[in-house]
Amino acid sequence: MKKILITGGAGFIGSHVVRRFVKKYPNTHIYNLDALTYAGNLENIADIQNEPNYTFVKGDIVNADFINELFQKYQFEGILHLAAESHVDRSITDPLAFVKTNVIGTMNLLNAAKELWKDNFVGKRFYHISTDEVYGSLGETGLFTETTAYDPNSPYSASKASSDHFVRAYGETYGLPYVITNCSNNYGPNHFPEKLIPLFINNIINNKPLPVYGDGKYTRDWLFVEDHAVAIDLVFHEGKNHETYNIGGFNEWQNINLVKLLCEQMDKKLGRSEGTSAQLITYVKDRPGHDLRYAIDASKINKELGWKPSVTFEQGLEKTIDWYLFNEDWLKSVTSGNYQKYYDQQYN
C-alpha cells in the first residue's frame, strides 16, 4: 500500500483531510501524526480510528530524531503538512512557540523527506499547507494571487512565510518535489473555539459577550473546511510540482457583518427573539498589527484543477451552526479541557 503521512491530522482542517483520504483511498495507508496540543483532538476523527488503512502516531514535529526515525520506519511516499500553530493572538503572546513548530518543525520534515527520497524523487510529494496571511494586508481593492509579494505582519504569518520559503528552497536546491497552497480563513465543524466563528457560536449559546476588534470592519475571505479538504485532495494528486495554488471561498465579509449574520441565524436556531444575540456584541481594543483585508484570487486552481466552493457562505455557516448545536457535548468537552483525556482512554 502507498503510505502517506498527514501532520496535524487531529486538528481542525487536518481531521477533515484525514477522514477524506482514509475513506476515499482504501488502498493507501494514512498515518496521522499529531502532538495533541490544545487544538488537537482525536474525537474529531473517532469515526475512522479503526479503519484498516489508518494509523495514529502521537508525536511532535519539533523533535528531529523522532521525525527521522518515523520516516525511516514507515517509508512515506507522500507528506501533507498541516501541523502548525495558527492563532494570531497566541503568536503575539508567545512568538517563539510559532517559530519552533512552524519553522523548525517544517525543517525537520523537509530534512527527513530529503534524506528518505534522495535516491528517487519519482512518485513522491511534499505538500505544504499555508495561509493567505503571508501576503500581508490589502486595501479596499485587489486580490492575493500566487505571485503576490510576501509581507507578513504578525509573528504567526511571519513563521508561515518562513516555512513557505524553506519548502521552495528545498525544491530549488535539492529537487524536492513539493506543492504549496495558501488558503483563506477556514470555518466549519470541529473548529476549536478560539477563532471567530466557533468562539462566537459558543458565546451566543452561553449568553457571553461577542468581542469584536476595533470597528469590526476588518475583511476576510471565508472557506468552508470541507471544500478546502476537496481542494487539498485535488492539489495533492493532480497539482504540478513546484507550484503554488491559492484556495479561497469567494466570500468576502467584514467581521461585523459576519457577526450580525451569525447572530441572526443563531437566534432562529435557538428560538430566541430577533436581535437577542446581537445585543451581546462588544467592541474591544484592536490587536497589534491587525491586517485590514484578505482576499484570495482562486482562479488558478479553478482553471487548472476544476475546483470551486460547493456552498455559499450562508449555507456553510448554517451547516456549521447546526453541527455545533448537535454536538454540544464536543463543545463542552474542548472548552473544559476534558477532550485531552480521550487519548489516554483510547491508548492507555
C-alpha atoms as a PDB file:
ATOM      1  CA  MET A   1       0.000   0.000   0.000  1.00  0.00           C
ATOM      2  CA  LYS A   2       1.129   3.553  -0.663  1.00  0.00           C
ATOM      3  CA  LYS A   3       1.986   5.286   2.599  1.00  0.00           C
ATOM      4  CA  ILE A   4       1.071   8.928   3.222  1.00  0.00           C
ATOM      5  CA  LEU A   5       1.843  10.999   6.313  1.00  0.00           C
ATOM      6  CA  ILE A   6      -0.581  13.735   7.326  1.00  0.00           C
ATOM      7  CA  THR A   7       0.694  16.034  10.069  1.00  0.00           C
ATOM      8  CA  GLY A   8      -1.772  17.805  12.347  1.00  0.00           C
ATOM      9  CA  GLY A   9      -4.490  15.331  11.424  1.00  0.00           C
ATOM     10  CA  ALA A  10      -6.294  15.609  14.749  1.00  0.00           C
ATOM     11  CA  GLY A  11      -6.726  19.363  14.321  1.00  0.00           C
ATOM     12  CA  PHE A  12      -9.478  21.301  12.607  1.00  0.00           C
ATOM     13  CA  ILE A  13      -8.546  21.198   8.922  1.00  0.00           C
ATOM     14  CA  GLY A  14      -6.365  18.126   9.306  1.00  0.00           C
ATOM     15  CA  SER A  15      -9.160  15.954  10.670  1.00  0.00           C
ATOM     16  CA  HIS A  16     -11.304  16.660   7.609  1.00  0.00           C
ATOM     17  CA  VAL A  17      -8.385  15.847   5.304  1.00  0.00           C
ATOM     18  CA  VAL A  18      -7.562  12.616   7.165  1.00  0.00           C
ATOM     19  CA  ARG A  19     -11.181  11.465   7.043  1.00  0.00           C
ATOM     20  CA  ARG A  20     -11.436  12.192   3.325  1.00  0.00           C
ATOM     21  CA  PHE A  21      -8.217  10.356   2.457  1.00  0.00           C
ATOM     22  CA  VAL A  22      -8.940   7.323   4.657  1.00  0.00           C
ATOM     23  CA  LYS A  23     -12.430   6.868   3.220  1.00  0.00           C
ATOM     24  CA  LYS A  24     -11.664   7.739  -0.397  1.00  0.00           C
ATOM     25  CA  TYR A  25      -8.385   5.847  -0.793  1.00  0.00           C
ATOM     26  CA  PRO A  26      -8.719   2.417   0.880  1.00  0.00           C
ATOM     27  CA  ASN A  27      -5.575   1.172  -0.859  1.00  0.00           C
ATOM     28  CA  THR A  28      -3.478   3.975   0.657  1.00  0.00           C
ATOM     29  CA  HIS A  29      -2.365   3.781   4.276  1.00  0.00           C
ATOM     30  CA  ILE A  30      -2.785   7.098   6.074  1.00  0.00           C
ATOM     31  CA  TYR A  31      -0.543   7.869   9.027  1.00  0.00           C
ATOM     32  CA  ASN A  32      -1.837  10.703  11.177  1.00  0.00           C
ATOM     33  CA  LEU A  33       0.878  12.456  13.179  1.00  0.00           C
ATOM     34  CA  ASP A  34      -0.299  14.884  15.849  1.00  0.00           C
ATOM     35  CA  ALA A  35       1.161  16.188  19.102  1.00  0.00           C
ATOM     36  CA  LEU A  36      -2.354  16.544  20.574  1.00  0.00           C
ATOM     37  CA  THR A  37      -1.852  20.030  21.919  1.00  0.00           C
ATOM     38  CA  TYR A  38      -4.894  22.080  22.943  1.00  0.00           C
ATOM     39  CA  ALA A  39      -6.285  22.213  19.375  1.00  0.00           C
ATOM     40  CA  GLY A  40      -5.651  18.553  18.503  1.00  0.00           C
ATOM     41  CA  ASN A  41      -8.477  16.212  19.438  1.00  0.00           C
ATOM     42  CA  LEU A  42      -8.792  12.542  18.489  1.00  0.00           C
ATOM     43  CA  GLU A  43     -12.541  12.750  18.987  1.00  0.00           C
ATOM     44  CA  ASN A  44     -12.529  14.761  15.735  1.00  0.00           C
ATOM     45  CA  ILE A  45     -11.759  11.545  13.844  1.00  0.00           C
ATOM     46  CA  ALA A  46     -13.163   8.857  16.137  1.00  0.00           C
ATOM     47  CA  ASP A  47     -15.334   7.570  13.283  1.00  0.00           C
ATOM     48  CA  ILE A  48     -12.328   6.335  11.277  1.00  0.00           C
ATOM     49  CA  GLN A  49      -9.926   5.293  14.056  1.00  0.00           C
ATOM     50  CA  ASN A  50     -10.476   1.558  13.451  1.00  0.00           C
ATOM     51  CA  GLU A  51     -10.172   1.622   9.668  1.00  0.00           C
ATOM     52  CA  PRO A  52      -7.546  -0.856   8.373  1.00  0.00           C
ATOM     53  CA  ASN A  53      -5.753   1.808   6.313  1.00  0.00           C
ATOM     54  CA  TYR A  54      -5.357   4.263   9.195  1.00  0.00           C
ATOM     55  CA  THR A  55      -2.711   4.619  11.921  1.00  0.00           C
ATOM     56  CA  PHE A  56      -2.433   7.370  14.521  1.00  0.00           C
ATOM     57  CA  VAL A  57       1.021   8.381  15.767  1.00  0.00           C
ATOM     58  CA  LYS A  58       1.427  10.750  18.702  1.00  0.00           C
ATOM     59  CA  GLY A  59       4.497  12.937  18.362  1.00  0.00           C
ATOM     60  CA  ASP A  60       5.904  16.421  17.856  1.00  0.00           C
ATOM     61  CA  ILE A  61       7.390  17.602  14.564  1.00  0.00           C
ATOM     62  CA  VAL A  62       9.839  19.743  16.570  1.00  0.00           C
ATOM     63  CA  ASN A  63      11.641  16.538  17.642  1.00  0.00           C
ATOM     64  CA  ALA A  64      14.043  15.894  14.757  1.00  0.00           C
ATOM     65  CA  ASP A  65      15.234  12.472  15.956  1.00  0.00           C
ATOM     66  CA  PHE A  66      11.674  11.271  16.320  1.00  0.00           C
ATOM     67  CA  ILE A  67      10.757  12.514  12.836  1.00  0.00           C
ATOM     68  CA  ASN A  68      13.797  10.877  11.232  1.00  0.00           C
ATOM     69  CA  GLU A  69      13.020   7.544  12.900  1.00  0.00           C
ATOM     70  CA  LEU A  70       9.383   7.784  11.850  1.00  0.00           C
ATOM     71  CA  PHE A  71      10.285   8.364   8.199  1.00  0.00           C
ATOM     72  CA  GLN A  72      12.772   5.512   8.164  1.00  0.00           C
ATOM     73  CA  LYS A  73      10.304   3.160   9.846  1.00  0.00           C
ATOM     74  CA  TYR A  74       7.324   3.774   7.557  1.00  0.00           C
ATOM     75  CA  GLN A  75       8.988   4.904   4.306  1.00  0.00           C
ATOM     76  CA  PHE A  76       6.392   7.532   3.428  1.00  0.00           C
ATOM     77  CA  GLU A  77       5.851   8.355  -0.243  1.00  0.00           C
ATOM     78  CA  GLY A  78       3.825  11.497   0.387  1.00  0.00           C
ATOM     79  CA  ILE A  79       3.521  14.127   3.108  1.00  0.00           C
ATOM     80  CA  LEU A  80       0.641  16.515   3.677  1.00  0.00           C
ATOM     81  CA  HIS A  81       1.916  19.014   6.225  1.00  0.00           C
ATOM     82  CA  LEU A  82      -0.858  20.761   8.151  1.00  0.00           C
ATOM     83  CA  ALA A  83       0.573  20.773  11.685  1.00  0.00           C
ATOM     84  CA  ALA A  84       1.009  24.372  12.786  1.00  0.00           C
ATOM     85  CA  GLU A  85       0.448  26.938  15.464  1.00  0.00           C
ATOM     86  CA  SER A  86      -2.172  29.111  13.788  1.00  0.00           C
ATOM     87  CA  HIS A  87      -3.765  31.620  16.155  1.00  0.00           C
ATOM     88  CA  VAL A  88      -2.557  35.185  15.615  1.00  0.00           C
ATOM     89  CA  ASP A  89      -3.372  36.312  19.154  1.00  0.00           C
ATOM     90  CA  ARG A  90      -1.338  33.449  20.626  1.00  0.00           C
ATOM     91  CA  SER A  91       1.574  34.345  18.322  1.00  0.00           C
ATOM     92  CA  ILE A  92       1.636  37.875  19.710  1.00  0.00           C
ATOM     93  CA  THR A  93       1.876  36.489  23.239  1.00  0.00           C
ATOM     94  CA  ASP A  94       4.381  33.688  22.519  1.00  0.00           C
ATOM     95  CA  PRO A  95       6.080  34.134  19.124  1.00  0.00           C
ATOM     96  CA  LEU A  96       8.861  31.607  19.799  1.00  0.00           C
ATOM     97  CA  ALA A  97       6.350  28.770  20.027  1.00  0.00           C
ATOM     98  CA  PHE A  98       5.361  29.591  16.455  1.00  0.00           C
ATOM     99  CA  VAL A  99       8.972  29.608  15.278  1.00  0.00           C
ATOM    100  CA  LYS A 100       9.552  26.187  16.847  1.00  0.00           C
ATOM    101  CA  THR A 101       6.508  24.486  15.338  1.00  0.00           C
ATOM    102  CA  ASN A 102       6.025  26.325  12.063  1.00  0.00           C
ATOM    103  CA  VAL A 103       9.669  26.823  11.068  1.00  0.00           C
ATOM    104  CA  ILE A 104      11.782  24.232  12.889  1.00  0.00           C
ATOM    105  CA  GLY A 105       9.058  21.600  12.638  1.00  0.00           C
ATOM    106  CA  THR A 106       8.730  22.143   8.891  1.00  0.00           C
ATOM    107  CA  MET A 107      12.516  21.987   8.509  1.00  0.00           C
ATOM    108  CA  ASN A 108      12.598  18.640  10.308  1.00  0.00           C
ATOM    109  CA  LEU A 109      10.013  17.232   7.915  1.00  0.00           C
ATOM    110  CA  LEU A 110      11.849  18.615   4.887  1.00  0.00           C
ATOM    111  CA  ASN A 111      15.152  17.115   6.020  1.00  0.00           C
ATOM    112  CA  ALA A 112      13.579  13.739   6.722  1.00  0.00           C
ATOM    113  CA  ALA A 113      11.860  13.681   3.329  1.00  0.00           C
ATOM    114  CA  LYS A 114      15.035  14.753   1.517  1.00  0.00           C
ATOM    115  CA  GLU A 115      17.041  12.011   3.209  1.00  0.00           C
ATOM    116  CA  LEU A 116      14.427   9.320   2.597  1.00  0.00           C
ATOM    117  CA  TRP A 117      13.816  10.218  -1.052  1.00  0.00           C
ATOM    118  CA  LYS A 118      17.333  11.279  -2.048  1.00  0.00           C
ATOM    119  CA  ASP A 119      17.830   8.381  -4.453  1.00  0.00           C
ATOM    120  CA  ASN A 120      14.410   8.565  -6.093  1.00  0.00           C
ATOM    121  CA  PHE A 121      12.019  11.518  -6.156  1.00  0.00           C
ATOM    122  CA  VAL A 122       9.682   9.832  -8.659  1.00  0.00           C
ATOM    123  CA  GLY A 123       6.148   9.484  -7.306  1.00  0.00           C
ATOM    124  CA  LYS A 124       6.974  11.432  -4.141  1.00  0.00           C
ATOM    125  CA  ARG A 125       5.364  14.668  -2.985  1.00  0.00           C
ATOM    126  CA  PHE A 126       5.763  17.121  -0.108  1.00  0.00           C
ATOM    127  CA  TYR A 127       2.587  19.182   0.234  1.00  0.00           C
ATOM    128  CA  HIS A 128       2.854  22.250   2.468  1.00  0.00           C
ATOM    129  CA  ILE A 129      -0.414  23.873   3.569  1.00  0.00           C
ATOM    130  CA  SER A 130      -0.013  27.597   4.271  1.00  0.00           C
ATOM    131  CA  THR A 131      -2.135  30.719   4.710  1.00  0.00           C
ATOM    132  CA  ASP A 132      -3.115  33.880   2.883  1.00  0.00           C
ATOM    133  CA  GLU A 133      -1.763  35.892   5.809  1.00  0.00           C
ATOM    134  CA  VAL A 134       1.783  35.584   4.445  1.00  0.00           C
ATOM    135  CA  TYR A 135       0.814  38.148   1.810  1.00  0.00           C
ATOM    136  CA  GLY A 136       0.106  40.848   4.375  1.00  0.00           C
ATOM    137  CA  SER A 137      -2.813  43.239   4.114  1.00  0.00           C
ATOM    138  CA  LEU A 138      -4.878  44.529   1.191  1.00  0.00           C
ATOM    139  CA  GLY A 139      -6.573  47.878   0.802  1.00  0.00           C
ATOM    140  CA  GLU A 140     -10.187  48.140  -0.259  1.00  0.00           C
ATOM    141  CA  THR A 141      -9.445  46.650  -3.685  1.00  0.00           C
ATOM    142  CA  GLY A 142      -7.277  43.923  -5.163  1.00  0.00           C
ATOM    143  CA  LEU A 143      -6.748  40.199  -4.555  1.00  0.00           C
ATOM    144  CA  PHE A 144      -3.898  37.983  -3.434  1.00  0.00           C
ATOM    145  CA  THR A 145      -2.510  35.931  -6.315  1.00  0.00           C
ATOM    146  CA  GLU A 146       0.149  33.238  -6.308  1.00  0.00           C
ATOM    147  CA  THR A 147       2.744  35.852  -7.295  1.00  0.00           C
ATOM    148  CA  THR A 148       1.828  38.472  -4.684  1.00  0.00           C
ATOM    149  CA  ALA A 149       4.919  39.530  -2.734  1.00  0.00           C
ATOM    150  CA  TYR A 150       5.140  38.278   0.834  1.00  0.00           C
ATOM    151  CA  ASP A 151       4.578  40.924   3.506  1.00  0.00           C
ATOM    152  CA  PRO A 152       3.680  39.214   6.818  1.00  0.00           C
ATOM    153  CA  ASN A 153       2.602  41.448   9.698  1.00  0.00           C
ATOM    154  CA  SER A 154       2.224  39.083  12.671  1.00  0.00           C
ATOM    155  CA  PRO A 155       4.567  36.537  14.255  1.00  0.00           C
ATOM    156  CA  TYR A 156       2.185  33.825  13.035  1.00  0.00           C
ATOM    157  CA  SER A 157       2.218  34.936   9.399  1.00  0.00           C
ATOM    158  CA  ALA A 158       5.990  35.557   9.546  1.00  0.00           C
ATOM    159  CA  SER A 159       6.555  31.991  10.745  1.00  0.00           C
ATOM    160  CA  LYS A 160       4.373  30.594   7.966  1.00  0.00           C
ATOM    161  CA  ALA A 161       6.101  32.779   5.372  1.00  0.00           C
ATOM    162  CA  SER A 162       9.449  31.447   6.554  1.00  0.00           C
ATOM    163  CA  SER A 163       8.298  27.842   6.248  1.00  0.00           C
ATOM    164  CA  ASP A 164       6.965  28.526   2.734  1.00  0.00           C
ATOM    165  CA  HIS A 165      10.354  29.880   1.705  1.00  0.00           C
ATOM    166  CA  PHE A 166      12.173  26.849   3.084  1.00  0.00           C
ATOM    167  CA  VAL A 167       9.888  24.476   1.176  1.00  0.00           C
ATOM    168  CA  ARG A 168      10.591  26.326  -2.066  1.00  0.00           C
ATOM    169  CA  ALA A 169      14.317  26.432  -1.279  1.00  0.00           C
ATOM    170  CA  TYR A 170      14.414  22.653  -0.841  1.00  0.00           C
ATOM    171  CA  GLY A 171      12.695  22.329  -4.188  1.00  0.00           C
ATOM    172  CA  GLU A 172      15.212  24.554  -5.940  1.00  0.00           C
ATOM    173  CA  THR A 173      18.322  23.367  -4.102  1.00  0.00           C
ATOM    174  CA  TYR A 174      17.697  19.641  -3.726  1.00  0.00           C
ATOM    175  CA  GLY A 175      14.981  18.984  -6.298  1.00  0.00           C
ATOM    176  CA  LEU A 176      12.446  18.040  -3.628  1.00  0.00           C
ATOM    177  CA  PRO A 177       9.023  17.602  -5.276  1.00  0.00           C
ATOM    178  CA  TYR A 178       6.646  19.981  -3.495  1.00  0.00           C
ATOM    179  CA  VAL A 179       3.380  21.878  -3.825  1.00  0.00           C
ATOM    180  CA  ILE A 180       2.186  24.744  -1.628  1.00  0.00           C
ATOM    181  CA  THR A 181      -1.310  26.070  -1.072  1.00  0.00           C
ATOM    182  CA  ASN A 182      -2.244  29.322   0.640  1.00  0.00           C
ATOM    183  CA  CYS A 183      -5.796  29.315   1.929  1.00  0.00           C
ATOM    184  CA  SER A 184      -8.170  31.910   3.312  1.00  0.00           C
ATOM    185  CA  ASN A 185      -9.954  31.696   6.692  1.00  0.00           C
ATOM    186  CA  ASN A 186     -11.498  28.262   7.218  1.00  0.00           C
ATOM    187  CA  TYR A 187     -14.723  27.614   9.094  1.00  0.00           C
ATOM    188  CA  GLY A 188     -16.861  24.549   9.747  1.00  0.00           C
ATOM    189  CA  PRO A 189     -17.310  21.572  12.117  1.00  0.00           C
ATOM    190  CA  ASN A 190     -14.667  20.593  14.697  1.00  0.00           C
ATOM    191  CA  HIS A 191     -13.078  24.049  14.872  1.00  0.00           C
ATOM    192  CA  PHE A 192     -11.557  24.740  18.288  1.00  0.00           C
ATOM    193  CA  PRO A 193     -13.480  27.686  19.814  1.00  0.00           C
ATOM    194  CA  GLU A 194     -10.737  30.289  19.807  1.00  0.00           C
ATOM    195  CA  LYS A 195     -11.294  31.542  16.246  1.00  0.00           C
ATOM    196  CA  LEU A 196     -14.121  33.965  15.488  1.00  0.00           C
ATOM    197  CA  ILE A 197     -16.979  31.732  14.281  1.00  0.00           C
ATOM    198  CA  PRO A 198     -16.768  28.820  16.763  1.00  0.00           C
ATOM    199  CA  LEU A 199     -15.944  31.211  19.613  1.00  0.00           C
ATOM    200  CA  PHE A 200     -18.994  33.338  18.899  1.00  0.00           C
ATOM    201  CA  ILE A 201     -21.268  30.316  18.449  1.00  0.00           C
ATOM    202  CA  ASN A 202     -20.169  29.079  21.862  1.00  0.00           C
ATOM    203  CA  ASN A 203     -20.544  32.532  23.433  1.00  0.00           C
ATOM    204  CA  ILE A 204     -24.025  33.001  22.000  1.00  0.00           C
ATOM    205  CA  ILE A 205     -25.109  29.611  23.341  1.00  0.00           C
ATOM    206  CA  ASN A 206     -23.860  30.679  26.775  1.00  0.00           C
ATOM    207  CA  ASN A 207     -25.000  34.329  26.550  1.00  0.00           C
ATOM    208  CA  LYS A 208     -21.455  35.656  26.783  1.00  0.00           C
ATOM    209  CA  PRO A 209     -20.118  38.854  25.133  1.00  0.00           C
ATOM    210  CA  LEU A 210     -19.057  38.727  21.484  1.00  0.00           C
ATOM    211  CA  PRO A 211     -15.710  40.610  21.408  1.00  0.00           C
ATOM    212  CA  VAL A 212     -15.276  42.426  18.082  1.00  0.00           C
ATOM    213  CA  TYR A 213     -11.881  44.025  17.432  1.00  0.00           C
ATOM    214  CA  GLY A 214     -11.777  47.742  16.648  1.00  0.00           C
ATOM    215  CA  ASP A 215     -14.643  48.956  14.481  1.00  0.00           C
ATOM    216  CA  GLY A 216     -15.370  45.476  13.128  1.00  0.00           C
ATOM    217  CA  LYS A 217     -14.635  46.469   9.532  1.00  0.00           C
ATOM    218  CA  TYR A 218     -11.738  44.070   9.004  1.00  0.00           C
ATOM    219  CA  THR A 219     -12.494  41.973   5.943  1.00  0.00           C
ATOM    220  CA  ARG A 220     -11.786  38.281   5.428  1.00  0.00           C
ATOM    221  CA  ASP A 221     -12.437  35.694   2.744  1.00  0.00           C
ATOM    222  CA  TRP A 222     -14.107  32.587   4.235  1.00  0.00           C
ATOM    223  CA  LEU A 223     -13.616  28.987   3.067  1.00  0.00           C
ATOM    224  CA  PHE A 224     -15.784  26.057   4.203  1.00  0.00           C
ATOM    225  CA  VAL A 225     -13.417  23.432   5.602  1.00  0.00           C
ATOM    226  CA  GLU A 226     -14.923  20.526   3.655  1.00  0.00           C
ATOM    227  CA  ASP A 227     -14.390  22.453   0.407  1.00  0.00           C
ATOM    228  CA  HIS A 228     -10.805  23.015   1.497  1.00  0.00           C
ATOM    229  CA  ALA A 229     -10.324  19.266   2.030  1.00  0.00           C
ATOM    230  CA  VAL A 230     -11.562  18.642  -1.516  1.00  0.00           C
ATOM    231  CA  ALA A 231      -9.082  21.215  -2.853  1.00  0.00           C
ATOM    232  CA  ILE A 232      -6.219  19.662  -0.881  1.00  0.00           C
ATOM    233  CA  ASP A 233      -7.095  16.254  -2.324  1.00  0.00           C
ATOM    234  CA  LEU A 234      -7.022  17.683  -5.855  1.00  0.00           C
ATOM    235  CA  VAL A 235      -3.734  19.532  -5.419  1.00  0.00           C
ATOM    236  CA  PHE A 236      -2.016  16.547  -3.830  1.00  0.00           C
ATOM    237  CA  HIS A 237      -2.992  14.185  -6.623  1.00  0.00           C
ATOM    238  CA  GLU A 238      -3.190  16.469  -9.657  1.00  0.00           C
ATOM    239  CA  GLY A 239      -1.260  19.656  -8.904  1.00  0.00           C
ATOM    240  CA  LYS A 240       2.035  20.375 -10.638  1.00  0.00           C
ATOM    241  CA  ASN A 241       5.312  20.046  -8.767  1.00  0.00           C
ATOM    242  CA  HIS A 242       6.955  23.289  -7.600  1.00  0.00           C
ATOM    243  CA  GLU A 243       3.667  25.182  -7.992  1.00  0.00           C
ATOM    244  CA  THR A 244       1.624  27.279  -5.584  1.00  0.00           C
ATOM    245  CA  TYR A 245      -2.179  27.335  -5.560  1.00  0.00           C
ATOM    246  CA  ASN A 246      -4.328  29.859  -3.710  1.00  0.00           C
ATOM    247  CA  ILE A 247      -7.534  28.424  -2.227  1.00  0.00           C
ATOM    248  CA  GLY A 248     -10.294  30.891  -1.365  1.00  0.00           C
ATOM    249  CA  GLY A 249     -14.001  30.784  -0.775  1.00  0.00           C
ATOM    250  CA  PHE A 250     -15.008  33.759  -2.960  1.00  0.00           C
ATOM    251  CA  ASN A 251     -16.709  35.000   0.232  1.00  0.00           C
ATOM    252  CA  GLU A 252     -15.535  38.377   1.482  1.00  0.00           C
ATOM    253  CA  TRP A 253     -17.169  39.558   4.683  1.00  0.00           C
ATOM    254  CA  GLN A 254     -16.487  42.413   7.064  1.00  0.00           C
ATOM    255  CA  ASN A 255     -16.240  40.964  10.550  1.00  0.00           C
ATOM    256  CA  ILE A 256     -19.139  42.971  11.908  1.00  0.00           C
ATOM    257  CA  ASN A 257     -21.454  41.910   9.061  1.00  0.00           C
ATOM    258  CA  LEU A 258     -20.460  38.286   9.546  1.00  0.00           C
ATOM    259  CA  VAL A 259     -21.158  38.533  13.270  1.00  0.00           C
ATOM    260  CA  LYS A 260     -24.592  40.060  12.640  1.00  0.00           C
ATOM    261  CA  LEU A 261     -25.450  37.259  10.187  1.00  0.00           C
ATOM    262  CA  LEU A 262     -24.277  34.703  12.721  1.00  0.00           C
ATOM    263  CA  CYS A 263     -26.432  36.326  15.397  1.00  0.00           C
ATOM    264  CA  GLU A 264     -29.477  36.228  13.118  1.00  0.00           C
ATOM    265  CA  GLN A 265     -29.017  32.548  12.319  1.00  0.00           C
ATOM    266  CA  MET A 266     -28.330  31.644  15.951  1.00  0.00           C
ATOM    267  CA  ASP A 267     -31.468  33.438  17.138  1.00  0.00           C
ATOM    268  CA  LYS A 268     -33.542  31.383  14.700  1.00  0.00           C
ATOM    269  CA  LYS A 269     -31.833  28.101  15.640  1.00  0.00           C
ATOM    270  CA  LEU A 270     -32.166  28.738  19.381  1.00  0.00           C
ATOM    271  CA  GLY A 271     -35.711  30.055  19.182  1.00  0.00           C
ATOM    272  CA  ARG A 272     -34.744  33.450  20.538  1.00  0.00           C
ATOM    273  CA  SER A 273     -36.396  36.707  19.545  1.00  0.00           C
ATOM    274  CA  GLU A 274     -34.722  38.588  16.705  1.00  0.00           C
ATOM    275  CA  GLY A 275     -31.882  40.810  17.888  1.00  0.00           C
ATOM    276  CA  THR A 276     -31.229  38.931  21.137  1.00  0.00           C
ATOM    277  CA  SER A 277     -27.761  37.660  20.200  1.00  0.00           C
ATOM    278  CA  ALA A 278     -26.750  40.952  18.568  1.00  0.00           C
ATOM    279  CA  GLN A 279     -27.055  42.607  21.989  1.00  0.00           C
ATOM    280  CA  LEU A 280     -24.002  40.554  23.022  1.00  0.00           C
ATOM    281  CA  ILE A 281     -21.731  42.344  20.513  1.00  0.00           C
ATOM    282  CA  THR A 282     -18.967  44.160  22.417  1.00  0.00           C
ATOM    283  CA  TYR A 283     -16.304  46.261  20.705  1.00  0.00           C
ATOM    284  CA  VAL A 284     -12.848  45.718  22.207  1.00  0.00           C
ATOM    285  CA  LYS A 285      -9.397  47.229  21.794  1.00  0.00           C
ATOM    286  CA  ASP A 286      -7.807  46.332  18.463  1.00  0.00           C
ATOM    287  CA  ARG A 287      -4.947  43.841  18.383  1.00  0.00           C
ATOM    288  CA  PRO A 288      -1.443  44.913  17.255  1.00  0.00           C
ATOM    289  CA  GLY A 289      -0.611  44.605  13.554  1.00  0.00           C
ATOM    290  CA  HIS A 290      -4.180  43.791  12.586  1.00  0.00           C
ATOM    291  CA  ASP A 291      -4.402  43.315   8.776  1.00  0.00           C
ATOM    292  CA  LEU A 292      -7.234  45.291   7.204  1.00  0.00           C
ATOM    293  CA  ARG A 293      -8.308  42.905   4.476  1.00  0.00           C
ATOM    294  CA  TYR A 294      -7.510  39.492   2.995  1.00  0.00           C
ATOM    295  CA  ALA A 295      -8.966  38.346  -0.322  1.00  0.00           C
ATOM    296  CA  ILE A 296      -7.863  35.365  -2.418  1.00  0.00           C
ATOM    297  CA  ASP A 297      -7.841  35.045  -6.186  1.00  0.00           C
ATOM    298  CA  ALA A 298      -8.539  31.314  -6.592  1.00  0.00           C
ATOM    299  CA  SER A 299      -8.818  31.370 -10.391  1.00  0.00           C
ATOM    300  CA  LYS A 300      -5.663  29.268 -10.907  1.00  0.00           C
ATOM    301  CA  ILE A 301      -6.913  26.210  -9.014  1.00  0.00           C
ATOM    302  CA  ASN A 302     -10.293  26.647 -10.681  1.00  0.00           C
ATOM    303  CA  LYS A 303      -8.867  26.737 -14.208  1.00  0.00           C
ATOM    304  CA  GLU A 304      -6.171  24.086 -13.784  1.00  0.00           C
ATOM    305  CA  LEU A 305      -7.885  21.607 -11.456  1.00  0.00           C
ATOM    306  CA  GLY A 306     -11.573  22.472 -11.779  1.00  0.00           C
ATOM    307  CA  TRP A 307     -12.069  23.283  -8.096  1.00  0.00           C
ATOM    308  CA  LYS A 308     -14.623  25.744  -6.766  1.00  0.00           C
ATOM    309  CA  PRO A 309     -16.553  26.079  -3.483  1.00  0.00           C
ATOM    310  CA  SER A 310     -19.638  23.882  -3.193  1.00  0.00           C
ATOM    311  CA  VAL A 311     -21.560  26.144  -0.804  1.00  0.00           C
ATOM    312  CA  THR A 312     -22.254  29.816  -0.302  1.00  0.00           C
ATOM    313  CA  PHE A 313     -21.140  31.352   2.958  1.00  0.00           C
ATOM    314  CA  GLU A 314     -24.722  31.490   4.229  1.00  0.00           C
ATOM    315  CA  GLN A 315     -25.153  27.767   3.503  1.00  0.00           C
ATOM    316  CA  GLY A 316     -21.824  26.832   5.036  1.00  0.00           C
ATOM    317  CA  LEU A 317     -22.474  28.932   8.118  1.00  0.00           C
ATOM    318  CA  GLU A 318     -25.841  27.233   8.666  1.00  0.00           C
ATOM    319  CA  LYS A 319     -24.206  23.796   8.344  1.00  0.00           C
ATOM    320  CA  THR A 320     -21.569  24.886  10.836  1.00  0.00           C
ATOM    321  CA  ILE A 321     -24.084  26.185  13.373  1.00  0.00           C
ATOM    322  CA  ASP A 322     -26.158  23.003  13.056  1.00  0.00           C
ATOM    323  CA  TRP A 323     -23.087  20.872  13.729  1.00  0.00           C
ATOM    324  CA  TYR A 324     -22.152  22.772  16.892  1.00  0.00           C
ATOM    325  CA  LEU A 325     -25.707  22.726  18.225  1.00  0.00           C
ATOM    326  CA  PHE A 326     -25.954  18.984  17.545  1.00  0.00           C
ATOM    327  CA  ASN A 327     -22.544  18.381  19.129  1.00  0.00           C
ATOM    328  CA  GLU A 328     -22.741  20.478  22.271  1.00  0.00           C
ATOM    329  CA  ASP A 329     -21.059  17.672  24.234  1.00  0.00           C
ATOM    330  CA  TRP A 330     -17.989  18.054  21.983  1.00  0.00           C
ATOM    331  CA  LEU A 331     -18.060  21.811  22.519  1.00  0.00           C
ATOM    332  CA  LYS A 332     -18.293  21.437  26.295  1.00  0.00           C
ATOM    333  CA  SER A 333     -15.501  18.859  26.244  1.00  0.00           C
ATOM    334  CA  VAL A 334     -12.989  21.016  24.373  1.00  0.00           C
ATOM    335  CA  THR A 335     -13.779  24.173  26.308  1.00  0.00           C
ATOM    336  CA  SER A 336     -13.327  22.319  29.612  1.00  0.00           C
ATOM    337  CA  GLY A 337     -10.171  20.504  28.513  1.00  0.00           C
ATOM    338  CA  ASN A 338     -11.712  17.070  29.063  1.00  0.00           C
ATOM    339  CA  TYR A 339     -11.010  16.101  25.453  1.00  0.00           C
ATOM    340  CA  GLN A 340      -7.372  15.642  26.472  1.00  0.00           C
ATOM    341  CA  LYS A 341      -8.398  12.526  28.402  1.00  0.00           C
ATOM    342  CA  TYR A 342      -9.530  10.845  25.192  1.00  0.00           C
ATOM    343  CA  TYR A 343      -6.033   9.813  24.126  1.00  0.00           C
ATOM    344  CA  ASP A 344      -5.298   8.204  27.496  1.00  0.00           C
ATOM    345  CA  GLN A 345      -8.604   6.342  27.414  1.00  0.00           C
ATOM    346  CA  GLN A 346      -8.072   5.086  23.861  1.00  0.00           C
ATOM    347  CA  TYR A 347      -4.367   4.297  24.021  1.00  0.00           C
ATOM    348  CA  ASN A 348      -3.825   3.670  27.734  1.00  0.00           C
END
